[in-house]
Amino acid sequence: MEQDSRDIALFAAQVLDNKKGKDITVLGIHRVSLIADYFVIASGTSSIQVKALADEVSKKMEEIGKPLHHIEGYDEAKWVLLDYGDIVIHIFHQDTRQFYDLERLWSDAEKLKLDN
């Protein structure tokens, strides 16, 4: 695991916060899974905001040279998944986030402290 993965995950969380994302969480999953090193999880209050959050974080990640490997769920905007390989960003509509409760599913993961 590269140290900068952590910094990039925290950068993505800050981008989401700047765009008014809600309940932002960064989980270090590298010790409990091979899927990725970090999950960044955030909520939007509407489908429009979910898409706006996905658009903004995609743009900012591209600006720092982090290529997007795959995107899922953008058209429906209930749960948008942005796969950057070592970092996976989950942007949920609030109701959908409560239903899937990734933080509970990944409760063994390290929860990173975010600077506000």
C-alpha atoms as a PDB file:
ATOM      1  CA  MET A   1       0.000   0.000   0.000  1.00  0.00           C
ATOM      2  CA  GLU A   2       1.353   3.395  -0.950  1.00  0.00           C
ATOM      3  CA  GLN A   3       1.327   6.085   1.727  1.00  0.00           C
ATOM      4  CA  ASP A   4      -0.126   8.585  -0.699  1.00  0.00           C
ATOM      5  CA  SER A   5      -3.318   6.499  -1.013  1.00  0.00           C
ATOM      6  CA  ARG A   6      -4.257   7.730   2.449  1.00  0.00           C
ATOM      7  CA  ASP A   7      -3.533  11.338   1.490  1.00  0.00           C
ATOM      8  CA  ILE A   8      -5.544  11.015  -1.719  1.00  0.00           C
ATOM      9  CA  ALA A   9      -8.488   9.449   0.134  1.00  0.00           C
ATOM     10  CA  LEU A  10      -8.414  12.348   2.599  1.00  0.00           C
ATOM     11  CA  PHE A  11      -8.152  14.778  -0.327  1.00  0.00           C
ATOM     12  CA  ALA A  12     -11.269  13.232  -1.897  1.00  0.00           C
ATOM     13  CA  ALA A  13     -13.091  13.565   1.434  1.00  0.00           C
ATOM     14  CA  GLN A  14     -12.139  17.249   1.568  1.00  0.00           C
ATOM     15  CA  VAL A  15     -13.408  17.787  -1.991  1.00  0.00           C
ATOM     16  CA  LEU A  16     -16.732  16.200  -1.024  1.00  0.00           C
ATOM     17  CA  ASP A  17     -16.904  18.355   2.102  1.00  0.00           C
ATOM     18  CA  ASN A  18     -16.209  21.521   0.103  1.00  0.00           C
ATOM     19  CA  LYS A  19     -19.111  20.583  -2.196  1.00  0.00           C
ATOM     20  CA  LYS A  20     -21.429  20.169   0.843  1.00  0.00           C
ATOM     21  CA  GLY A  21     -21.393  16.371   0.983  1.00  0.00           C
ATOM     22  CA  LYS A  22     -22.925  14.997   4.182  1.00  0.00           C
ATOM     23  CA  ASP A  23     -21.663  12.476   6.774  1.00  0.00           C
ATOM     24  CA  ILE A  24     -18.273  11.942   5.122  1.00  0.00           C
ATOM     25  CA  THR A  25     -16.312   8.920   6.330  1.00  0.00           C
ATOM     26  CA  VAL A  26     -12.975   7.477   5.256  1.00  0.00           C
ATOM     27  CA  LEU A  27     -12.351   3.826   6.079  1.00  0.00           C
ATOM     28  CA  GLY A  28      -8.955   2.163   5.820  1.00  0.00           C
ATOM     29  CA  ILE A  29      -9.873  -1.303   4.584  1.00  0.00           C
ATOM     30  CA  HIS A  30      -6.403  -2.483   3.541  1.00  0.00           C
ATOM     31  CA  ARG A  31      -6.088  -4.723   6.624  1.00  0.00           C
ATOM     32  CA  VAL A  32      -9.471  -6.402   6.168  1.00  0.00           C
ATOM     33  CA  SER A  33      -9.862  -6.654   2.379  1.00  0.00           C
ATOM     34  CA  LEU A  34      -8.022  -6.868  -0.915  1.00  0.00           C
ATOM     35  CA  ILE A  35     -10.691  -4.798  -2.708  1.00  0.00           C
ATOM     36  CA  ALA A  36      -8.967  -1.467  -2.087  1.00  0.00           C
ATOM     37  CA  ASP A  37      -6.964   0.408   0.514  1.00  0.00           C
ATOM     38  CA  TYR A  38      -9.599   3.027   1.354  1.00  0.00           C
ATOM     39  CA  PHE A  39     -13.309   3.656   1.066  1.00  0.00           C
ATOM     40  CA  VAL A  40     -14.536   7.234   1.040  1.00  0.00           C
ATOM     41  CA  ILE A  41     -18.242   7.394   1.845  1.00  0.00           C
ATOM     42  CA  ALA A  42     -20.491  10.464   1.574  1.00  0.00           C
ATOM     43  CA  SER A  43     -24.148  11.346   1.184  1.00  0.00           C
ATOM     44  CA  GLY A  44     -26.114  13.819  -0.866  1.00  0.00           C
ATOM     45  CA  THR A  45     -29.607  15.085  -0.151  1.00  0.00           C
ATOM     46  CA  SER A  46     -30.904  14.639  -3.702  1.00  0.00           C
ATOM     47  CA  SER A  47     -30.043  12.853  -6.937  1.00  0.00           C
ATOM     48  CA  ILE A  48     -28.834  16.158  -8.351  1.00  0.00           C
ATOM     49  CA  GLN A  49     -26.447  16.655  -5.436  1.00  0.00           C
ATOM     50  CA  VAL A  50     -25.206  13.056  -5.641  1.00  0.00           C
ATOM     51  CA  LYS A  51     -24.290  13.632  -9.299  1.00  0.00           C
ATOM     52  CA  ALA A  52     -22.728  17.018  -8.503  1.00  0.00           C
ATOM     53  CA  LEU A  53     -20.582  15.418  -5.793  1.00  0.00           C
ATOM     54  CA  ALA A  54     -19.499  12.636  -8.181  1.00  0.00           C
ATOM     55  CA  ASP A  55     -18.699  15.159 -10.920  1.00  0.00           C
ATOM     56  CA  GLU A  56     -16.659  17.375  -8.595  1.00  0.00           C
ATOM     57  CA  VAL A  57     -14.600  14.612  -7.005  1.00  0.00           C
ATOM     58  CA  SER A  58     -13.971  13.040 -10.450  1.00  0.00           C
ATOM     59  CA  LYS A  59     -12.757  16.386 -11.783  1.00  0.00           C
ATOM     60  CA  LYS A  60     -10.477  17.068  -8.809  1.00  0.00           C
ATOM     61  CA  MET A  61      -9.039  13.548  -8.808  1.00  0.00           C
ATOM     62  CA  GLU A  62      -8.245  13.907 -12.510  1.00  0.00           C
ATOM     63  CA  GLU A  63      -6.541  17.231 -11.797  1.00  0.00           C
ATOM     64  CA  ILE A  64      -4.147  15.529  -9.374  1.00  0.00           C
ATOM     65  CA  GLY A  65      -3.440  12.733 -11.864  1.00  0.00           C
ATOM     66  CA  LYS A  66      -5.589  10.012 -10.300  1.00  0.00           C
ATOM     67  CA  PRO A  67      -7.361   8.199 -13.164  1.00  0.00           C
ATOM     68  CA  LEU A  68     -10.878   6.839 -12.741  1.00  0.00           C
ATOM     69  CA  HIS A  69     -10.982   3.116 -13.505  1.00  0.00           C
ATOM     70  CA  HIS A  70     -14.729   2.570 -13.381  1.00  0.00           C
ATOM     71  CA  ILE A  71     -17.995   4.270 -12.404  1.00  0.00           C
ATOM     72  CA  GLU A  72     -21.299   2.650 -11.429  1.00  0.00           C
ATOM     73  CA  GLY A  73     -24.743   4.032 -10.642  1.00  0.00           C
ATOM     74  CA  TYR A  74     -24.347   7.542 -12.032  1.00  0.00           C
ATOM     75  CA  ASP A  75     -27.563   7.551 -14.071  1.00  0.00           C
ATOM     76  CA  GLU A  76     -29.746   6.481 -11.135  1.00  0.00           C
ATOM     77  CA  ALA A  77     -27.778   8.622  -8.631  1.00  0.00           C
ATOM     78  CA  LYS A  78     -28.868   6.584  -5.618  1.00  0.00           C
ATOM     79  CA  TRP A  79     -25.407   5.074  -5.062  1.00  0.00           C
ATOM     80  CA  VAL A  80     -22.552   6.254  -7.261  1.00  0.00           C
ATOM     81  CA  LEU A  81     -19.368   4.219  -6.994  1.00  0.00           C
ATOM     82  CA  LEU A  82     -16.128   5.714  -8.295  1.00  0.00           C
ATOM     83  CA  ASP A  83     -13.336   3.142  -8.517  1.00  0.00           C
ATOM     84  CA  TYR A  84      -9.794   4.483  -8.440  1.00  0.00           C
ATOM     85  CA  GLY A  85      -8.184   1.091  -7.767  1.00  0.00           C
ATOM     86  CA  ASP A  86      -6.724   1.641  -4.321  1.00  0.00           C
ATOM     87  CA  ILE A  87      -9.513   4.070  -3.380  1.00  0.00           C
ATOM     88  CA  VAL A  88     -13.227   3.494  -3.891  1.00  0.00           C
ATOM     89  CA  ILE A  89     -15.567   6.441  -3.397  1.00  0.00           C
ATOM     90  CA  HIS A  90     -19.201   5.741  -2.522  1.00  0.00           C
ATOM     91  CA  ILE A  91     -21.649   8.638  -2.862  1.00  0.00           C
ATOM     92  CA  PHE A  92     -25.124   7.802  -1.651  1.00  0.00           C
ATOM     93  CA  HIS A  93     -28.521   9.386  -1.586  1.00  0.00           C
ATOM     94  CA  GLN A  94     -29.206   9.609   2.170  1.00  0.00           C
ATOM     95  CA  ASP A  95     -31.964   6.962   2.242  1.00  0.00           C
ATOM     96  CA  THR A  96     -29.901   4.499   0.227  1.00  0.00           C
ATOM     97  CA  ARG A  97     -26.908   4.976   2.509  1.00  0.00           C
ATOM     98  CA  GLN A  98     -28.961   4.141   5.585  1.00  0.00           C
ATOM     99  CA  PHE A  99     -30.240   0.981   3.905  1.00  0.00           C
ATOM    100  CA  TYR A 100     -26.795  -0.383   2.919  1.00  0.00           C
ATOM    101  CA  ASP A 101     -24.931   0.919   6.014  1.00  0.00           C
ATOM    102  CA  LEU A 102     -21.405   0.292   4.720  1.00  0.00           C
ATOM    103  CA  GLU A 103     -19.857   1.521   7.963  1.00  0.00           C
ATOM    104  CA  ARG A 104     -21.554  -1.343   9.810  1.00  0.00           C
ATOM    105  CA  LEU A 105     -20.608  -3.880   7.132  1.00  0.00           C
ATOM    106  CA  TRP A 106     -16.981  -2.719   7.288  1.00  0.00           C
ATOM    107  CA  SER A 107     -16.896  -2.194  11.062  1.00  0.00           C
ATOM    108  CA  ASP A 108     -13.485  -3.930  11.281  1.00  0.00           C
ATOM    109  CA  ALA A 109     -11.952  -1.204   9.100  1.00  0.00           C
ATOM    110  CA  GLU A 110      -9.946   1.698  10.492  1.00  0.00           C
ATOM    111  CA  LYS A 111     -11.962   4.923  10.572  1.00  0.00           C
ATOM    112  CA  LEU A 112      -9.727   7.864   9.683  1.00  0.00           C
ATOM    113  CA  LYS A 113     -10.029  11.176  11.464  1.00  0.00           C
ATOM    114  CA  LEU A 114     -11.029  13.982   9.141  1.00  0.00           C
ATOM    115  CA  ASP A 115      -9.915  17.583   9.538  1.00  0.00           C
ATOM    116  CA  ASN A 116     -12.842  19.982   9.446  1.00  0.00           C
END
